[in-house]
Structures are given as structure tokens and as C-alpha cells.
Amino acid sequence: MRNLKRILLAVLILVLVMAVLAFVLDNQQSVSLLFLGWAGPQLPVSVVLVLALLIGMLIGPVLGWFLGRTSRTNRKRLD
């Protein structure tokens, strides 16, 4: 059973890597983002989307931790 879980995990990771590789290879067009007058460098679409995903993966847990912490302090004040 333990080996089956390892094999399934390895297959899942391999499929995920293949999907990311296919996405990167299919999205090589260069784009430049413009935000509030600031123009970013020209990067492939895949790089922009992967960077946005990674930034979201960093901000999400931090924001969740911060909001959870403030709700705990509010509950303590009510008790």
C-alpha cells in the first residue's frame, strides 16, 4: 500500500510537470504589462502567468494567517 501511494504521487508529479512544460512551450509570445504608468519588461506569457501564480501562492497563506490572527484577537475581546 505504501509503494502504491508513492507510485501514484510520482505519476501525479510527472503529469503536473508535463502539463507545465506543455504550457510554457505553447506560450512563448512576448508581452509587456502596463500598470499605473509602469511598463514591465517584455517576457513570455508563460513566465508572467507562472510569476503571478507564485506570488498568489505566497500572498494567500500570509493573508489567511493575518486574517485568522485578527479574528482570534476579536473573539478573545468578546469573551
N, C-alpha and C. Protein backbone atom coordinates (compact mmCIF):
# COMPACT_ATOMS: atom_id res chain seq x y z
N MET A 1 0.82 -1.19 0.00
CA MET A 1 0.00 0.00 0.00
C MET A 1 0.87 1.25 0.00
N ARG A 2 1.94 1.22 0.75
CA ARG A 2 2.84 2.36 0.84
C ARG A 2 3.50 2.63 -0.51
N ASN A 3 3.90 1.56 -1.19
CA ASN A 3 4.53 1.71 -2.51
C ASN A 3 3.55 2.24 -3.54
N LEU A 4 2.29 1.81 -3.44
CA LEU A 4 1.27 2.29 -4.37
C LEU A 4 1.08 3.80 -4.23
N LYS A 5 1.06 4.29 -3.00
CA LYS A 5 0.92 5.73 -2.77
C LYS A 5 2.11 6.50 -3.35
N ARG A 6 3.30 5.95 -3.20
CA ARG A 6 4.49 6.60 -3.75
C ARG A 6 4.45 6.63 -5.27
N ILE A 7 4.02 5.53 -5.86
CA ILE A 7 3.93 5.46 -7.32
C ILE A 7 2.88 6.45 -7.83
N LEU A 8 1.73 6.50 -7.18
CA LEU A 8 0.68 7.44 -7.58
C LEU A 8 1.15 8.89 -7.43
N LEU A 9 1.86 9.18 -6.37
CA LEU A 9 2.39 10.53 -6.17
C LEU A 9 3.41 10.88 -7.25
N ALA A 10 4.27 9.94 -7.59
CA ALA A 10 5.27 10.16 -8.64
C ALA A 10 4.59 10.39 -9.99
N VAL A 11 3.56 9.61 -10.29
CA VAL A 11 2.83 9.79 -11.54
C VAL A 11 2.14 11.14 -11.57
N LEU A 12 1.52 11.53 -10.47
CA LEU A 12 0.86 12.83 -10.38
C LEU A 12 1.84 13.97 -10.59
N ILE A 13 2.99 13.89 -9.97
CA ILE A 13 4.02 14.93 -10.13
C ILE A 13 4.51 14.96 -11.57
N LEU A 14 4.70 13.81 -12.17
CA LEU A 14 5.15 13.73 -13.55
C LEU A 14 4.12 14.35 -14.50
N VAL A 15 2.84 14.07 -14.28
CA VAL A 15 1.78 14.66 -15.11
C VAL A 15 1.75 16.17 -14.93
N LEU A 16 1.91 16.65 -13.71
CA LEU A 16 1.93 18.08 -13.45
C LEU A 16 3.11 18.76 -14.14
N VAL A 17 4.27 18.14 -14.07
CA VAL A 17 5.47 18.69 -14.73
C VAL A 17 5.27 18.73 -16.24
N MET A 18 4.69 17.69 -16.79
CA MET A 18 4.44 17.65 -18.24
C MET A 18 3.44 18.72 -18.65
N ALA A 19 2.41 18.95 -17.84
CA ALA A 19 1.43 19.98 -18.16
C ALA A 19 2.06 21.37 -18.12
N VAL A 20 2.88 21.63 -17.11
CA VAL A 20 3.57 22.92 -17.02
C VAL A 20 4.52 23.10 -18.20
N LEU A 21 5.24 22.07 -18.56
CA LEU A 21 6.16 22.14 -19.69
C LEU A 21 5.41 22.42 -20.99
N ALA A 22 4.29 21.74 -21.21
CA ALA A 22 3.48 21.99 -22.41
C ALA A 22 2.96 23.42 -22.41
N PHE A 23 2.54 23.93 -21.26
CA PHE A 23 2.05 25.30 -21.16
C PHE A 23 3.15 26.30 -21.50
N VAL A 24 4.33 26.09 -20.96
CA VAL A 24 5.46 27.00 -21.22
C VAL A 24 5.85 26.96 -22.69
N LEU A 25 5.90 25.79 -23.29
CA LEU A 25 6.29 25.69 -24.69
C LEU A 25 5.25 26.27 -25.64
N ASP A 26 3.98 26.23 -25.27
CA ASP A 26 2.92 26.77 -26.13
C ASP A 26 2.72 28.28 -25.98
N ASN A 27 3.27 28.89 -24.95
CA ASN A 27 3.03 30.32 -24.70
C ASN A 27 4.35 31.09 -24.67
N GLN A 28 4.97 31.18 -25.81
CA GLN A 28 6.26 31.88 -25.91
C GLN A 28 6.13 33.31 -26.44
N GLN A 29 4.93 33.79 -26.73
CA GLN A 29 4.76 35.15 -27.20
C GLN A 29 5.17 36.13 -26.11
N SER A 30 5.88 37.18 -26.50
CA SER A 30 6.31 38.17 -25.52
C SER A 30 5.22 39.21 -25.31
N VAL A 31 5.05 39.60 -24.07
CA VAL A 31 4.09 40.65 -23.70
C VAL A 31 4.77 41.59 -22.73
N SER A 32 4.28 42.81 -22.70
CA SER A 32 4.75 43.80 -21.73
C SER A 32 3.53 44.29 -20.96
N LEU A 33 3.57 44.21 -19.66
CA LEU A 33 2.45 44.64 -18.85
C LEU A 33 2.57 46.12 -18.52
N LEU A 34 1.44 46.82 -18.53
CA LEU A 34 1.39 48.23 -18.20
C LEU A 34 0.45 48.37 -17.01
N PHE A 35 0.96 48.90 -15.91
CA PHE A 35 0.16 49.05 -14.69
C PHE A 35 0.50 50.38 -14.04
N LEU A 36 -0.51 51.24 -13.95
CA LEU A 36 -0.37 52.57 -13.34
C LEU A 36 0.82 53.35 -13.91
N GLY A 37 0.98 53.29 -15.21
CA GLY A 37 2.05 54.03 -15.86
C GLY A 37 3.40 53.34 -15.85
N TRP A 38 3.50 52.22 -15.16
CA TRP A 38 4.77 51.49 -15.11
C TRP A 38 4.70 50.36 -16.13
N ALA A 39 5.66 50.32 -17.03
CA ALA A 39 5.70 49.28 -18.05
C ALA A 39 6.76 48.25 -17.65
N GLY A 40 6.37 47.02 -17.60
CA GLY A 40 7.30 45.96 -17.25
C GLY A 40 8.09 45.52 -18.46
N PRO A 41 9.11 44.71 -18.24
CA PRO A 41 9.91 44.21 -19.36
C PRO A 41 9.10 43.22 -20.21
N GLN A 42 9.50 43.03 -21.43
CA GLN A 42 8.82 42.06 -22.28
C GLN A 42 9.25 40.66 -21.88
N LEU A 43 8.28 39.87 -21.46
CA LEU A 43 8.51 38.49 -21.03
C LEU A 43 7.51 37.59 -21.74
N PRO A 44 7.82 36.31 -21.88
CA PRO A 44 6.83 35.38 -22.44
C PRO A 44 5.60 35.30 -21.55
N VAL A 45 4.45 35.03 -22.15
CA VAL A 45 3.19 34.94 -21.42
C VAL A 45 3.29 33.90 -20.31
N SER A 46 3.93 32.79 -20.58
CA SER A 46 4.02 31.73 -19.58
C SER A 46 4.79 32.19 -18.35
N VAL A 47 5.82 32.99 -18.53
CA VAL A 47 6.60 33.49 -17.39
C VAL A 47 5.74 34.43 -16.55
N VAL A 48 4.99 35.30 -17.21
CA VAL A 48 4.12 36.24 -16.49
C VAL A 48 3.08 35.48 -15.67
N LEU A 49 2.45 34.47 -16.27
CA LEU A 49 1.43 33.72 -15.55
C LEU A 49 2.00 32.88 -14.41
N VAL A 50 3.15 32.28 -14.62
CA VAL A 50 3.77 31.48 -13.55
C VAL A 50 4.20 32.40 -12.40
N LEU A 51 4.73 33.58 -12.72
CA LEU A 51 5.09 34.53 -11.66
C LEU A 51 3.85 34.98 -10.89
N ALA A 52 2.75 35.24 -11.59
CA ALA A 52 1.51 35.63 -10.91
C ALA A 52 1.02 34.50 -10.01
N LEU A 53 1.12 33.26 -10.47
CA LEU A 53 0.72 32.12 -9.66
C LEU A 53 1.58 32.00 -8.40
N LEU A 54 2.89 32.13 -8.55
CA LEU A 54 3.79 32.02 -7.40
C LEU A 54 3.56 33.15 -6.40
N ILE A 55 3.35 34.37 -6.89
CA ILE A 55 3.08 35.49 -5.99
C ILE A 55 1.78 35.26 -5.24
N GLY A 56 0.77 34.76 -5.93
CA GLY A 56 -0.50 34.44 -5.27
C GLY A 56 -0.36 33.34 -4.24
N MET A 57 0.50 32.36 -4.54
CA MET A 57 0.72 31.28 -3.58
C MET A 57 1.46 31.77 -2.34
N LEU A 58 2.21 32.84 -2.46
CA LEU A 58 2.88 33.42 -1.30
C LEU A 58 1.96 34.36 -0.53
N ILE A 59 1.19 35.17 -1.24
CA ILE A 59 0.33 36.16 -0.58
C ILE A 59 -0.87 35.49 0.09
N GLY A 60 -1.44 34.46 -0.53
CA GLY A 60 -2.63 33.81 0.01
C GLY A 60 -2.47 33.29 1.43
N PRO A 61 -1.47 32.46 1.70
CA PRO A 61 -1.31 31.97 3.08
C PRO A 61 -0.99 33.07 4.08
N VAL A 62 -0.20 34.06 3.67
CA VAL A 62 0.12 35.16 4.57
C VAL A 62 -1.14 35.93 4.92
N LEU A 63 -1.97 36.22 3.91
CA LEU A 63 -3.22 36.92 4.15
C LEU A 63 -4.16 36.09 5.01
N GLY A 64 -4.24 34.79 4.75
CA GLY A 64 -5.07 33.91 5.58
C GLY A 64 -4.60 33.86 7.02
N TRP A 65 -3.30 33.81 7.22
CA TRP A 65 -2.76 33.81 8.58
C TRP A 65 -3.09 35.12 9.28
N PHE A 66 -2.93 36.23 8.56
CA PHE A 66 -3.19 37.54 9.16
C PHE A 66 -4.66 37.70 9.52
N LEU A 67 -5.56 37.30 8.63
CA LEU A 67 -6.99 37.42 8.90
C LEU A 67 -7.41 36.46 10.01
N GLY A 68 -6.84 35.27 10.06
CA GLY A 68 -7.15 34.34 11.14
C GLY A 68 -6.68 34.86 12.47
N ARG A 69 -5.54 35.53 12.45
CA ARG A 69 -4.99 36.09 13.69
C ARG A 69 -5.86 37.22 14.22
N THR A 70 -6.34 38.09 13.32
CA THR A 70 -7.18 39.20 13.76
C THR A 70 -8.53 38.70 14.25
N SER A 71 -9.09 37.64 13.64
CA SER A 71 -10.38 37.13 14.11
C SER A 71 -10.23 36.48 15.48
N ARG A 72 -9.07 35.84 15.74
CA ARG A 72 -8.84 35.25 17.06
C ARG A 72 -8.75 36.33 18.13
N THR A 73 -8.09 37.45 17.81
CA THR A 73 -7.99 38.52 18.81
C THR A 73 -9.35 39.16 19.05
N ASN A 74 -10.19 39.26 18.00
CA ASN A 74 -11.53 39.81 18.18
C ASN A 74 -12.39 38.88 19.05
N ARG A 75 -12.24 37.56 18.88
CA ARG A 75 -13.00 36.63 19.70
C ARG A 75 -12.57 36.70 21.16
N LYS A 76 -11.27 36.89 21.40
CA LYS A 76 -10.78 36.99 22.77
C LYS A 76 -11.33 38.23 23.45
N ARG A 77 -11.46 39.32 22.69
CA ARG A 77 -12.01 40.55 23.26
C ARG A 77 -13.47 40.39 23.63
N LEU A 78 -14.22 39.60 22.87
CA LEU A 78 -15.64 39.41 23.13
C LEU A 78 -15.88 38.50 24.34
N ASP A 79 -14.93 37.63 24.66
CA ASP A 79 -15.11 36.68 25.79
C ASP A 79 -14.93 37.34 27.11
